[in-house]
Amino acid sequence: MSEPEARLFVIAAPSGAGKTTLVKALTTRHPQLRFSISYTTRAKRRNEAHGVDYLFVDEEAFESLRERGELLESATVFDNLYATSRQQVEQHLSAGHPVILEIDWQGAAQVRQSMPECVTIFILPPSLAELERRLRDRRTDSEEVIERRLQDARGDISHWQEFDYVVINDDLDQALADLESVLAGHGSAQATSNEALRTAVQQILP
């Protein structure tokens, strides 16, 4: 594909749709892409590193960042706070690098208000049954947490029409190719206004 422009790409998805896997594959294949590392107040998992997966901070430090206007967006997800560093995004764009934000639909709405020139992309699973299977295969959450994630996913999915593009992650390679098309400016097949896409999405909705 042609290389992405130096623009801000906002990628959101319900938990378990494969967003993180796709973003990591994108940044591996296109090293000029910059991944904006989010702040979070949640506890670090054993396979995560500070400054690589997230910027782990306590609630006091988080609120201080918000008060100083250093957050491009912020959201509460599963009782934890998440946010994007405004300075980090602006520095990457100024240096000529396209930037990817991996956030939820609430954060995406805030970014659209702050930076309306951004490109927003929503990742969907091929079905809710497949989403549930993926969440269970992680083997990292309790039954109660899985049920809550599934309930929240139904709410998240209802916001798909607020995004510029939708990528259905049924086959990872195809979903990655679809994402690359969007980033290269050739994503008409993934545009939310595309009737064929809208029909496909209606098959997924609960």
N, C-alpha and C. Protein backbone atom coordinates (compact mmCIF):
# COMPACT_ATOMS: atom_id res chain seq x y z
N MET A 1 0.84 -1.19 0.00
CA MET A 1 0.00 0.00 0.00
C MET A 1 0.87 1.24 0.00
N SER A 2 0.30 2.36 -0.45
CA SER A 2 1.01 3.62 -0.31
C SER A 2 1.05 3.98 1.16
N GLU A 3 2.06 4.75 1.56
CA GLU A 3 2.24 5.02 2.97
C GLU A 3 1.18 6.00 3.49
N PRO A 4 0.76 5.84 4.77
CA PRO A 4 -0.26 6.71 5.34
C PRO A 4 0.21 8.16 5.41
N GLU A 5 -0.76 9.08 5.28
CA GLU A 5 -0.46 10.49 5.44
C GLU A 5 -0.20 10.79 6.92
N ALA A 6 0.40 11.95 7.18
CA ALA A 6 0.64 12.37 8.56
C ALA A 6 -0.66 12.93 9.12
N ARG A 7 -1.57 12.03 9.43
CA ARG A 7 -2.87 12.39 9.98
C ARG A 7 -3.11 11.62 11.26
N LEU A 8 -4.13 12.02 11.99
CA LEU A 8 -4.51 11.31 13.21
C LEU A 8 -5.61 10.31 12.88
N PHE A 9 -5.33 9.03 13.13
CA PHE A 9 -6.29 7.95 12.89
C PHE A 9 -6.76 7.43 14.25
N VAL A 10 -8.07 7.48 14.47
CA VAL A 10 -8.65 7.06 15.74
C VAL A 10 -9.34 5.71 15.53
N ILE A 11 -8.88 4.69 16.24
CA ILE A 11 -9.42 3.35 16.09
C ILE A 11 -10.09 2.92 17.39
N ALA A 12 -11.37 2.53 17.30
CA ALA A 12 -12.13 2.10 18.46
C ALA A 12 -12.80 0.76 18.15
N ALA A 13 -13.21 0.06 19.22
CA ALA A 13 -13.84 -1.25 19.04
C ALA A 13 -14.38 -1.73 20.38
N PRO A 14 -15.35 -2.65 20.35
CA PRO A 14 -15.74 -3.29 21.60
C PRO A 14 -14.63 -4.23 22.06
N SER A 15 -14.56 -4.48 23.35
CA SER A 15 -13.55 -5.38 23.90
C SER A 15 -13.66 -6.75 23.26
N GLY A 16 -12.52 -7.27 22.76
CA GLY A 16 -12.50 -8.60 22.15
C GLY A 16 -12.61 -8.61 20.64
N ALA A 17 -12.74 -7.42 20.02
CA ALA A 17 -12.89 -7.36 18.56
C ALA A 17 -11.56 -7.52 17.84
N GLY A 18 -10.43 -7.43 18.57
CA GLY A 18 -9.12 -7.62 17.94
C GLY A 18 -8.42 -6.32 17.61
N LYS A 19 -8.86 -5.24 18.21
CA LYS A 19 -8.29 -3.91 17.92
C LYS A 19 -6.79 -3.86 18.22
N THR A 20 -6.40 -4.33 19.39
CA THR A 20 -4.99 -4.25 19.79
C THR A 20 -4.10 -5.07 18.86
N THR A 21 -4.55 -6.26 18.49
CA THR A 21 -3.79 -7.12 17.57
C THR A 21 -3.60 -6.43 16.22
N LEU A 22 -4.65 -5.82 15.71
CA LEU A 22 -4.57 -5.14 14.42
C LEU A 22 -3.64 -3.93 14.48
N VAL A 23 -3.74 -3.14 15.55
CA VAL A 23 -2.89 -1.96 15.67
C VAL A 23 -1.42 -2.35 15.77
N LYS A 24 -1.12 -3.40 16.52
CA LYS A 24 0.27 -3.86 16.64
C LYS A 24 0.80 -4.34 15.29
N ALA A 25 -0.05 -5.03 14.53
CA ALA A 25 0.36 -5.49 13.20
C ALA A 25 0.61 -4.31 12.27
N LEU A 26 -0.23 -3.29 12.35
CA LEU A 26 -0.07 -2.09 11.52
C LEU A 26 1.25 -1.39 11.81
N THR A 27 1.53 -1.19 13.09
CA THR A 27 2.74 -0.45 13.46
C THR A 27 3.99 -1.26 13.16
N THR A 28 3.88 -2.59 13.13
CA THR A 28 5.03 -3.43 12.76
C THR A 28 5.30 -3.32 11.26
N ARG A 29 4.24 -3.33 10.46
CA ARG A 29 4.39 -3.29 9.00
C ARG A 29 4.71 -1.90 8.47
N HIS A 30 4.35 -0.89 9.25
CA HIS A 30 4.55 0.50 8.80
C HIS A 30 5.23 1.29 9.92
N PRO A 31 6.55 1.16 10.01
CA PRO A 31 7.28 1.75 11.15
C PRO A 31 7.19 3.27 11.25
N GLN A 32 6.75 3.94 10.19
CA GLN A 32 6.60 5.40 10.29
C GLN A 32 5.36 5.77 11.10
N LEU A 33 4.44 4.82 11.30
CA LEU A 33 3.27 5.07 12.13
C LEU A 33 3.70 5.24 13.58
N ARG A 34 3.04 6.14 14.27
CA ARG A 34 3.30 6.32 15.70
C ARG A 34 2.04 5.96 16.47
N PHE A 35 2.21 5.13 17.48
CA PHE A 35 1.12 4.68 18.32
C PHE A 35 1.10 5.54 19.57
N SER A 36 0.02 6.24 19.79
CA SER A 36 -0.08 7.09 20.97
C SER A 36 -0.36 6.21 22.19
N ILE A 37 0.53 6.25 23.15
CA ILE A 37 0.41 5.43 24.36
C ILE A 37 -0.51 6.14 25.35
N SER A 38 -1.56 5.48 25.75
CA SER A 38 -2.57 6.08 26.62
C SER A 38 -2.15 6.06 28.09
N TYR A 39 -2.63 7.07 28.81
CA TYR A 39 -2.57 7.04 30.27
C TYR A 39 -3.68 6.12 30.77
N THR A 40 -3.43 5.42 31.88
CA THR A 40 -4.50 4.65 32.53
C THR A 40 -4.23 4.55 34.02
N THR A 41 -5.32 4.45 34.77
CA THR A 41 -5.21 4.25 36.22
C THR A 41 -5.38 2.79 36.60
N ARG A 42 -5.65 1.92 35.63
CA ARG A 42 -5.83 0.51 35.99
C ARG A 42 -4.49 -0.15 36.32
N ALA A 43 -4.57 -1.27 37.01
CA ALA A 43 -3.36 -1.98 37.41
C ALA A 43 -2.67 -2.59 36.20
N LYS A 44 -1.37 -2.63 36.25
CA LYS A 44 -0.57 -3.19 35.14
C LYS A 44 -0.68 -4.72 35.17
N ARG A 45 -0.97 -5.29 34.01
CA ARG A 45 -0.99 -6.75 33.91
C ARG A 45 0.43 -7.28 33.82
N ARG A 46 0.60 -8.58 34.10
CA ARG A 46 1.96 -9.12 34.21
C ARG A 46 2.74 -9.09 32.89
N ASN A 47 2.02 -9.03 31.76
CA ASN A 47 2.71 -9.02 30.47
C ASN A 47 2.83 -7.61 29.89
N GLU A 48 2.54 -6.58 30.69
CA GLU A 48 2.58 -5.20 30.21
C GLU A 48 3.75 -4.44 30.80
N ALA A 49 4.18 -3.40 30.07
CA ALA A 49 5.30 -2.56 30.52
C ALA A 49 4.89 -1.10 30.47
N HIS A 50 5.29 -0.35 31.49
CA HIS A 50 5.03 1.09 31.52
C HIS A 50 5.78 1.77 30.38
N GLY A 51 5.08 2.65 29.65
CA GLY A 51 5.71 3.36 28.55
C GLY A 51 5.71 2.58 27.25
N VAL A 52 5.25 1.34 27.30
CA VAL A 52 5.15 0.52 26.09
C VAL A 52 3.68 0.23 25.78
N ASP A 53 2.98 -0.36 26.74
CA ASP A 53 1.57 -0.67 26.56
C ASP A 53 0.69 0.50 27.00
N TYR A 54 0.99 1.04 28.16
CA TYR A 54 0.28 2.20 28.71
C TYR A 54 1.25 3.03 29.54
N LEU A 55 0.81 4.25 29.87
CA LEU A 55 1.48 5.07 30.87
C LEU A 55 0.63 4.91 32.13
N PHE A 56 1.13 4.12 33.08
CA PHE A 56 0.36 3.79 34.28
C PHE A 56 0.55 4.89 35.33
N VAL A 57 -0.56 5.51 35.74
CA VAL A 57 -0.53 6.59 36.72
C VAL A 57 -1.64 6.37 37.75
N ASP A 58 -1.52 7.01 38.91
CA ASP A 58 -2.61 6.92 39.89
C ASP A 58 -3.65 8.01 39.59
N GLU A 59 -4.77 7.95 40.30
CA GLU A 59 -5.87 8.88 40.01
C GLU A 59 -5.48 10.34 40.26
N GLU A 60 -4.65 10.58 41.27
CA GLU A 60 -4.24 11.94 41.58
C GLU A 60 -3.44 12.54 40.42
N ALA A 61 -2.48 11.75 39.90
CA ALA A 61 -1.67 12.23 38.77
C ALA A 61 -2.54 12.42 37.53
N PHE A 62 -3.51 11.53 37.33
CA PHE A 62 -4.41 11.62 36.19
C PHE A 62 -5.21 12.92 36.23
N GLU A 63 -5.78 13.22 37.40
CA GLU A 63 -6.58 14.44 37.53
C GLU A 63 -5.72 15.68 37.35
N SER A 64 -4.47 15.63 37.78
CA SER A 64 -3.56 16.75 37.59
C SER A 64 -3.32 17.01 36.11
N LEU A 65 -3.14 15.94 35.33
CA LEU A 65 -2.95 16.07 33.88
C LEU A 65 -4.19 16.69 33.24
N ARG A 66 -5.36 16.25 33.69
CA ARG A 66 -6.61 16.77 33.12
C ARG A 66 -6.76 18.26 33.43
N GLU A 67 -6.46 18.64 34.66
CA GLU A 67 -6.60 20.05 35.07
C GLU A 67 -5.67 20.96 34.28
N ARG A 68 -4.51 20.44 33.89
CA ARG A 68 -3.53 21.25 33.14
C ARG A 68 -3.81 21.27 31.64
N GLY A 69 -4.90 20.62 31.22
CA GLY A 69 -5.27 20.61 29.81
C GLY A 69 -4.37 19.75 28.94
N GLU A 70 -3.72 18.75 29.55
CA GLU A 70 -2.77 17.93 28.81
C GLU A 70 -3.40 16.68 28.19
N LEU A 71 -4.72 16.51 28.36
CA LEU A 71 -5.38 15.32 27.83
C LEU A 71 -6.25 15.68 26.63
N LEU A 72 -6.02 14.99 25.52
CA LEU A 72 -6.82 15.21 24.31
C LEU A 72 -8.21 14.64 24.50
N GLU A 73 -8.31 13.55 25.23
CA GLU A 73 -9.59 12.93 25.55
C GLU A 73 -9.38 12.08 26.79
N SER A 74 -10.47 11.77 27.47
CA SER A 74 -10.40 10.87 28.63
C SER A 74 -11.72 10.15 28.75
N ALA A 75 -11.68 8.97 29.37
CA ALA A 75 -12.89 8.17 29.52
C ALA A 75 -12.74 7.21 30.70
N THR A 76 -13.88 6.81 31.25
CA THR A 76 -13.91 5.79 32.29
C THR A 76 -14.37 4.49 31.65
N VAL A 77 -13.54 3.45 31.75
CA VAL A 77 -13.85 2.14 31.17
C VAL A 77 -13.61 1.08 32.22
N PHE A 78 -14.66 0.31 32.55
CA PHE A 78 -14.56 -0.72 33.60
C PHE A 78 -13.96 -0.15 34.88
N ASP A 79 -14.47 1.01 35.29
CA ASP A 79 -14.10 1.68 36.55
C ASP A 79 -12.67 2.21 36.58
N ASN A 80 -11.99 2.23 35.45
CA ASN A 80 -10.65 2.80 35.37
C ASN A 80 -10.64 3.98 34.40
N LEU A 81 -9.70 4.89 34.61
CA LEU A 81 -9.58 6.08 33.77
C LEU A 81 -8.55 5.86 32.68
N TYR A 82 -8.86 6.34 31.48
CA TYR A 82 -7.95 6.26 30.34
C TYR A 82 -7.91 7.63 29.68
N ALA A 83 -6.78 7.98 29.07
CA ALA A 83 -6.68 9.27 28.39
C ALA A 83 -5.54 9.28 27.39
N THR A 84 -5.62 10.24 26.45
CA THR A 84 -4.59 10.44 25.43
C THR A 84 -3.83 11.72 25.71
N SER A 85 -2.52 11.67 25.59
CA SER A 85 -1.67 12.84 25.77
C SER A 85 -1.75 13.74 24.53
N ARG A 86 -2.24 14.95 24.72
CA ARG A 86 -2.33 15.91 23.62
C ARG A 86 -0.93 16.21 23.05
N GLN A 87 0.03 16.43 23.94
CA GLN A 87 1.38 16.79 23.51
C GLN A 87 2.02 15.68 22.68
N GLN A 88 1.81 14.44 23.10
CA GLN A 88 2.39 13.30 22.39
C GLN A 88 1.89 13.24 20.95
N VAL A 89 0.57 13.43 20.78
CA VAL A 89 -0.03 13.39 19.44
C VAL A 89 0.49 14.54 18.58
N GLU A 90 0.49 15.74 19.13
CA GLU A 90 0.92 16.92 18.37
C GLU A 90 2.38 16.84 17.96
N GLN A 91 3.22 16.28 18.82
CA GLN A 91 4.65 16.15 18.49
C GLN A 91 4.86 15.19 17.32
N HIS A 92 4.16 14.06 17.34
CA HIS A 92 4.29 13.09 16.25
C HIS A 92 3.82 13.68 14.92
N LEU A 93 2.67 14.37 14.94
CA LEU A 93 2.14 14.96 13.71
C LEU A 93 3.06 16.04 13.18
N SER A 94 3.61 16.85 14.07
CA SER A 94 4.53 17.92 13.66
C SER A 94 5.79 17.36 13.02
N ALA A 95 6.18 16.16 13.44
CA ALA A 95 7.37 15.52 12.88
C ALA A 95 7.07 14.78 11.58
N GLY A 96 5.80 14.86 11.11
CA GLY A 96 5.44 14.23 9.85
C GLY A 96 5.03 12.78 9.93
N HIS A 97 4.71 12.32 11.15
CA HIS A 97 4.31 10.92 11.33
C HIS A 97 2.79 10.78 11.47
N PRO A 98 2.18 9.81 10.77
CA PRO A 98 0.78 9.51 11.05
C PRO A 98 0.67 8.90 12.45
N VAL A 99 -0.41 9.20 13.15
CA VAL A 99 -0.58 8.75 14.54
C VAL A 99 -1.84 7.90 14.66
N ILE A 100 -1.73 6.80 15.41
CA ILE A 100 -2.89 5.96 15.68
C ILE A 100 -3.26 6.07 17.15
N LEU A 101 -4.52 6.35 17.41
CA LEU A 101 -5.07 6.30 18.77
C LEU A 101 -5.92 5.06 18.88
N GLU A 102 -5.69 4.26 19.90
CA GLU A 102 -6.49 3.07 20.16
C GLU A 102 -7.31 3.36 21.41
N ILE A 103 -8.56 3.81 21.22
CA ILE A 103 -9.39 4.26 22.34
C ILE A 103 -10.81 3.74 22.18
N ASP A 104 -11.70 4.12 23.10
CA ASP A 104 -13.09 3.67 23.00
C ASP A 104 -13.93 4.74 22.31
N TRP A 105 -15.20 4.42 22.07
CA TRP A 105 -16.06 5.33 21.30
C TRP A 105 -16.26 6.67 22.01
N GLN A 106 -16.26 6.65 23.35
CA GLN A 106 -16.41 7.90 24.09
C GLN A 106 -15.24 8.84 23.81
N GLY A 107 -14.02 8.27 23.86
CA GLY A 107 -12.82 9.05 23.59
C GLY A 107 -12.79 9.54 22.16
N ALA A 108 -13.25 8.67 21.23
CA ALA A 108 -13.26 9.06 19.82
C ALA A 108 -14.14 10.28 19.59
N ALA A 109 -15.28 10.34 20.28
CA ALA A 109 -16.18 11.48 20.15
C ALA A 109 -15.51 12.76 20.63
N GLN A 110 -14.74 12.66 21.72
CA GLN A 110 -14.03 13.84 22.24
C GLN A 110 -12.93 14.29 21.27
N VAL A 111 -12.21 13.33 20.69
CA VAL A 111 -11.15 13.68 19.75
C VAL A 111 -11.73 14.36 18.51
N ARG A 112 -12.88 13.88 18.04
CA ARG A 112 -13.53 14.51 16.88
C ARG A 112 -13.83 15.97 17.15
N GLN A 113 -14.20 16.29 18.39
CA GLN A 113 -14.49 17.68 18.74
C GLN A 113 -13.22 18.52 18.78
N SER A 114 -12.13 17.94 19.33
CA SER A 114 -10.87 18.68 19.47
C SER A 114 -10.10 18.76 18.16
N MET A 115 -10.15 17.67 17.37
CA MET A 115 -9.41 17.60 16.11
C MET A 115 -10.32 17.02 15.03
N PRO A 116 -11.24 17.83 14.50
CA PRO A 116 -12.24 17.32 13.55
C PRO A 116 -11.65 16.78 12.25
N GLU A 117 -10.38 17.07 11.98
CA GLU A 117 -9.75 16.55 10.77
C GLU A 117 -9.29 15.10 10.92
N CYS A 118 -9.46 14.52 12.11
CA CYS A 118 -9.03 13.14 12.33
C CYS A 118 -9.88 12.16 11.52
N VAL A 119 -9.35 10.95 11.31
CA VAL A 119 -10.07 9.88 10.61
C VAL A 119 -10.44 8.83 11.65
N THR A 120 -11.74 8.51 11.75
CA THR A 120 -12.19 7.57 12.78
C THR A 120 -12.58 6.23 12.16
N ILE A 121 -12.15 5.16 12.82
CA ILE A 121 -12.36 3.79 12.31
C ILE A 121 -12.88 2.92 13.45
N PHE A 122 -13.94 2.17 13.18
CA PHE A 122 -14.51 1.27 14.20
C PHE A 122 -14.28 -0.17 13.76
N ILE A 123 -13.75 -0.99 14.68
CA ILE A 123 -13.50 -2.41 14.40
C ILE A 123 -14.66 -3.22 14.97
N LEU A 124 -15.24 -4.09 14.15
CA LEU A 124 -16.33 -4.94 14.60
C LEU A 124 -15.94 -6.42 14.52
N PRO A 125 -16.45 -7.24 15.43
CA PRO A 125 -16.28 -8.70 15.28
C PRO A 125 -17.26 -9.19 14.23
N PRO A 126 -17.06 -10.39 13.68
CA PRO A 126 -18.01 -10.91 12.68
C PRO A 126 -19.37 -11.26 13.27
N SER A 127 -19.41 -11.50 14.58
CA SER A 127 -20.68 -11.81 15.26
C SER A 127 -20.46 -11.66 16.77
N LEU A 128 -21.56 -11.55 17.51
CA LEU A 128 -21.45 -11.49 18.97
C LEU A 128 -21.01 -12.83 19.54
N ALA A 129 -21.39 -13.93 18.87
CA ALA A 129 -20.96 -15.26 19.33
C ALA A 129 -19.44 -15.39 19.22
N GLU A 130 -18.86 -14.88 18.13
CA GLU A 130 -17.40 -14.92 17.96
C GLU A 130 -16.73 -14.00 18.97
N LEU A 131 -17.34 -12.88 19.25
CA LEU A 131 -16.79 -11.97 20.26
C LEU A 131 -16.72 -12.67 21.62
N GLU A 132 -17.77 -13.36 21.99
CA GLU A 132 -17.79 -14.09 23.26
C GLU A 132 -16.71 -15.16 23.29
N ARG A 133 -16.55 -15.88 22.17
CA ARG A 133 -15.52 -16.93 22.11
C ARG A 133 -14.14 -16.34 22.33
N ARG A 134 -13.85 -15.19 21.70
CA ARG A 134 -12.54 -14.56 21.83
C ARG A 134 -12.30 -14.11 23.27
N LEU A 135 -13.32 -13.55 23.90
CA LEU A 135 -13.16 -13.11 25.28
C LEU A 135 -12.88 -14.29 26.21
N ARG A 136 -13.55 -15.40 25.98
CA ARG A 136 -13.32 -16.58 26.82
C ARG A 136 -11.96 -17.20 26.56
N ASP A 137 -11.51 -17.16 25.32
CA ASP A 137 -10.21 -17.76 24.97
C ASP A 137 -9.04 -17.00 25.59
N ARG A 138 -9.26 -15.75 25.98
CA ARG A 138 -8.19 -14.99 26.65
C ARG A 138 -7.79 -15.64 27.97
N ARG A 139 -8.80 -16.20 28.66
CA ARG A 139 -8.61 -16.83 29.98
C ARG A 139 -7.97 -15.88 30.99
N THR A 140 -8.32 -14.59 30.90
CA THR A 140 -7.78 -13.60 31.82
C THR A 140 -8.87 -13.00 32.70
N ASP A 141 -10.15 -13.24 32.37
CA ASP A 141 -11.25 -12.60 33.09
C ASP A 141 -12.17 -13.62 33.74
N SER A 142 -12.80 -13.23 34.82
CA SER A 142 -13.81 -14.05 35.48
C SER A 142 -15.08 -14.08 34.65
N GLU A 143 -15.98 -15.01 34.99
CA GLU A 143 -17.26 -15.10 34.28
C GLU A 143 -18.04 -13.79 34.41
N GLU A 144 -17.98 -13.18 35.58
CA GLU A 144 -18.69 -11.92 35.82
C GLU A 144 -18.14 -10.81 34.91
N VAL A 145 -16.83 -10.74 34.78
CA VAL A 145 -16.21 -9.72 33.93
C VAL A 145 -16.55 -9.97 32.46
N ILE A 146 -16.52 -11.23 32.05
CA ILE A 146 -16.86 -11.56 30.66
C ILE A 146 -18.29 -11.12 30.33
N GLU A 147 -19.22 -11.42 31.24
CA GLU A 147 -20.60 -11.03 31.01
C GLU A 147 -20.74 -9.51 30.94
N ARG A 148 -19.98 -8.81 31.76
CA ARG A 148 -20.04 -7.35 31.73
C ARG A 148 -19.45 -6.81 30.43
N ARG A 149 -18.36 -7.42 29.99
CA ARG A 149 -17.75 -6.99 28.72
C ARG A 149 -18.70 -7.22 27.55
N LEU A 150 -19.42 -8.33 27.56
CA LEU A 150 -20.37 -8.62 26.49
C LEU A 150 -21.53 -7.62 26.50
N GLN A 151 -21.99 -7.29 27.69
CA GLN A 151 -23.08 -6.31 27.81
C GLN A 151 -22.61 -4.95 27.31
N ASP A 152 -21.40 -4.55 27.72
CA ASP A 152 -20.87 -3.26 27.28
C ASP A 152 -20.60 -3.26 25.78
N ALA A 153 -20.18 -4.42 25.24
CA ALA A 153 -19.89 -4.50 23.80
C ALA A 153 -21.13 -4.20 22.98
N ARG A 154 -22.28 -4.67 23.44
CA ARG A 154 -23.53 -4.38 22.71
C ARG A 154 -23.79 -2.88 22.66
N GLY A 155 -23.50 -2.20 23.76
CA GLY A 155 -23.67 -0.75 23.79
C GLY A 155 -22.66 -0.06 22.90
N ASP A 156 -21.40 -0.54 22.94
CA ASP A 156 -20.34 0.05 22.12
C ASP A 156 -20.68 -0.05 20.64
N ILE A 157 -21.14 -1.24 20.22
CA ILE A 157 -21.42 -1.50 18.81
C ILE A 157 -22.49 -0.56 18.26
N SER A 158 -23.40 -0.12 19.13
CA SER A 158 -24.49 0.76 18.68
C SER A 158 -23.99 2.11 18.19
N HIS A 159 -22.71 2.43 18.45
CA HIS A 159 -22.15 3.72 18.05
C HIS A 159 -21.39 3.66 16.72
N TRP A 160 -21.47 2.55 16.01
CA TRP A 160 -20.63 2.37 14.81
C TRP A 160 -20.89 3.45 13.75
N GLN A 161 -22.10 3.94 13.67
CA GLN A 161 -22.42 4.92 12.62
C GLN A 161 -21.79 6.29 12.87
N GLU A 162 -21.23 6.50 14.05
CA GLU A 162 -20.57 7.77 14.35
C GLU A 162 -19.17 7.85 13.74
N PHE A 163 -18.69 6.73 13.19
CA PHE A 163 -17.33 6.65 12.68
C PHE A 163 -17.29 6.81 11.16
N ASP A 164 -16.13 7.22 10.64
CA ASP A 164 -15.97 7.41 9.20
C ASP A 164 -15.91 6.07 8.46
N TYR A 165 -15.27 5.09 9.11
CA TYR A 165 -15.05 3.79 8.48
C TYR A 165 -15.32 2.67 9.47
N VAL A 166 -15.67 1.50 8.92
CA VAL A 166 -15.87 0.30 9.73
C VAL A 166 -15.09 -0.85 9.09
N VAL A 167 -14.33 -1.57 9.92
CA VAL A 167 -13.61 -2.76 9.46
C VAL A 167 -14.13 -3.95 10.27
N ILE A 168 -14.61 -4.97 9.56
CA ILE A 168 -15.10 -6.19 10.22
C ILE A 168 -13.94 -7.18 10.33
N ASN A 169 -13.57 -7.51 11.56
CA ASN A 169 -12.41 -8.38 11.79
C ASN A 169 -12.85 -9.84 11.89
N ASP A 170 -13.10 -10.43 10.71
CA ASP A 170 -13.42 -11.86 10.63
C ASP A 170 -12.12 -12.62 10.38
N ASP A 171 -11.41 -12.24 9.33
CA ASP A 171 -10.10 -12.80 9.00
C ASP A 171 -9.06 -11.71 9.27
N LEU A 172 -8.06 -12.03 10.08
CA LEU A 172 -7.10 -11.01 10.52
C LEU A 172 -6.37 -10.37 9.34
N ASP A 173 -5.92 -11.18 8.39
CA ASP A 173 -5.17 -10.64 7.25
C ASP A 173 -6.03 -9.70 6.41
N GLN A 174 -7.30 -10.09 6.21
CA GLN A 174 -8.19 -9.24 5.42
C GLN A 174 -8.51 -7.95 6.16
N ALA A 175 -8.73 -8.07 7.47
CA ALA A 175 -9.02 -6.88 8.27
C ALA A 175 -7.84 -5.92 8.26
N LEU A 176 -6.63 -6.48 8.31
CA LEU A 176 -5.42 -5.65 8.26
C LEU A 176 -5.32 -4.95 6.90
N ALA A 177 -5.62 -5.67 5.83
CA ALA A 177 -5.59 -5.08 4.48
C ALA A 177 -6.64 -3.97 4.36
N ASP A 178 -7.81 -4.19 4.95
CA ASP A 178 -8.86 -3.16 4.92
C ASP A 178 -8.42 -1.91 5.68
N LEU A 179 -7.79 -2.12 6.82
CA LEU A 179 -7.29 -0.98 7.60
C LEU A 179 -6.22 -0.22 6.83
N GLU A 180 -5.33 -0.95 6.17
CA GLU A 180 -4.28 -0.30 5.38
C GLU A 180 -4.89 0.53 4.25
N SER A 181 -5.97 0.04 3.65
CA SER A 181 -6.65 0.79 2.59
C SER A 181 -7.18 2.12 3.12
N VAL A 182 -7.77 2.08 4.30
CA VAL A 182 -8.30 3.30 4.91
C VAL A 182 -7.17 4.28 5.19
N LEU A 183 -6.09 3.79 5.77
CA LEU A 183 -4.97 4.67 6.11
C LEU A 183 -4.32 5.28 4.88
N ALA A 184 -4.39 4.55 3.75
CA ALA A 184 -3.80 5.05 2.51
C ALA A 184 -4.76 5.96 1.73
N GLY A 185 -5.98 6.13 2.26
CA GLY A 185 -6.94 7.00 1.59
C GLY A 185 -7.75 6.31 0.52
N HIS A 186 -7.77 4.95 0.54
CA HIS A 186 -8.50 4.19 -0.49
C HIS A 186 -9.58 3.30 0.13
N GLY A 187 -10.19 3.76 1.21
CA GLY A 187 -11.10 2.89 1.97
C GLY A 187 -12.57 3.06 1.66
N SER A 188 -12.93 3.31 0.40
CA SER A 188 -14.34 3.53 0.08
C SER A 188 -15.21 2.32 0.43
N ALA A 189 -14.66 1.12 0.32
CA ALA A 189 -15.42 -0.09 0.64
C ALA A 189 -15.70 -0.19 2.14
N GLN A 190 -14.87 0.47 2.94
CA GLN A 190 -15.04 0.44 4.40
C GLN A 190 -15.77 1.67 4.93
N ALA A 191 -16.12 2.60 4.04
CA ALA A 191 -16.79 3.82 4.48
C ALA A 191 -18.16 3.50 5.08
N THR A 192 -18.49 4.17 6.17
CA THR A 192 -19.75 3.92 6.86
C THR A 192 -20.95 4.17 5.95
N SER A 193 -20.78 5.03 4.95
CA SER A 193 -21.86 5.34 4.01
C SER A 193 -22.05 4.26 2.94
N ASN A 194 -21.12 3.31 2.85
CA ASN A 194 -21.19 2.27 1.82
C ASN A 194 -22.34 1.31 2.12
N GLU A 195 -23.25 1.15 1.18
CA GLU A 195 -24.46 0.35 1.43
C GLU A 195 -24.14 -1.12 1.68
N ALA A 196 -23.18 -1.67 0.95
CA ALA A 196 -22.81 -3.07 1.15
C ALA A 196 -22.26 -3.29 2.56
N LEU A 197 -21.46 -2.35 3.00
CA LEU A 197 -20.92 -2.44 4.36
C LEU A 197 -22.05 -2.34 5.39
N ARG A 198 -22.95 -1.40 5.19
CA ARG A 198 -24.05 -1.22 6.13
C ARG A 198 -24.90 -2.48 6.24
N THR A 199 -25.09 -3.15 5.13
CA THR A 199 -25.85 -4.41 5.14
C THR A 199 -25.11 -5.46 5.94
N ALA A 200 -23.78 -5.54 5.75
CA ALA A 200 -22.97 -6.51 6.50
C ALA A 200 -23.02 -6.24 8.00
N VAL A 201 -22.96 -4.97 8.37
CA VAL A 201 -22.99 -4.61 9.78
C VAL A 201 -24.32 -4.97 10.42
N GLN A 202 -25.40 -4.82 9.68
CA GLN A 202 -26.73 -5.14 10.22
C GLN A 202 -26.84 -6.62 10.59
N GLN A 203 -26.06 -7.47 9.94
CA GLN A 203 -26.06 -8.89 10.27
C GLN A 203 -25.38 -9.18 11.60
N ILE A 204 -24.54 -8.24 12.05
CA ILE A 204 -23.78 -8.42 13.28
C ILE A 204 -24.52 -7.89 14.49
N LEU A 205 -25.29 -6.83 14.27
CA LEU A 205 -25.93 -6.13 15.39
C LEU A 205 -26.86 -7.02 16.18
N PRO A 206 -26.85 -6.84 17.52
CA PRO A 206 -27.74 -7.66 18.37
C PRO A 206 -29.21 -7.30 18.18
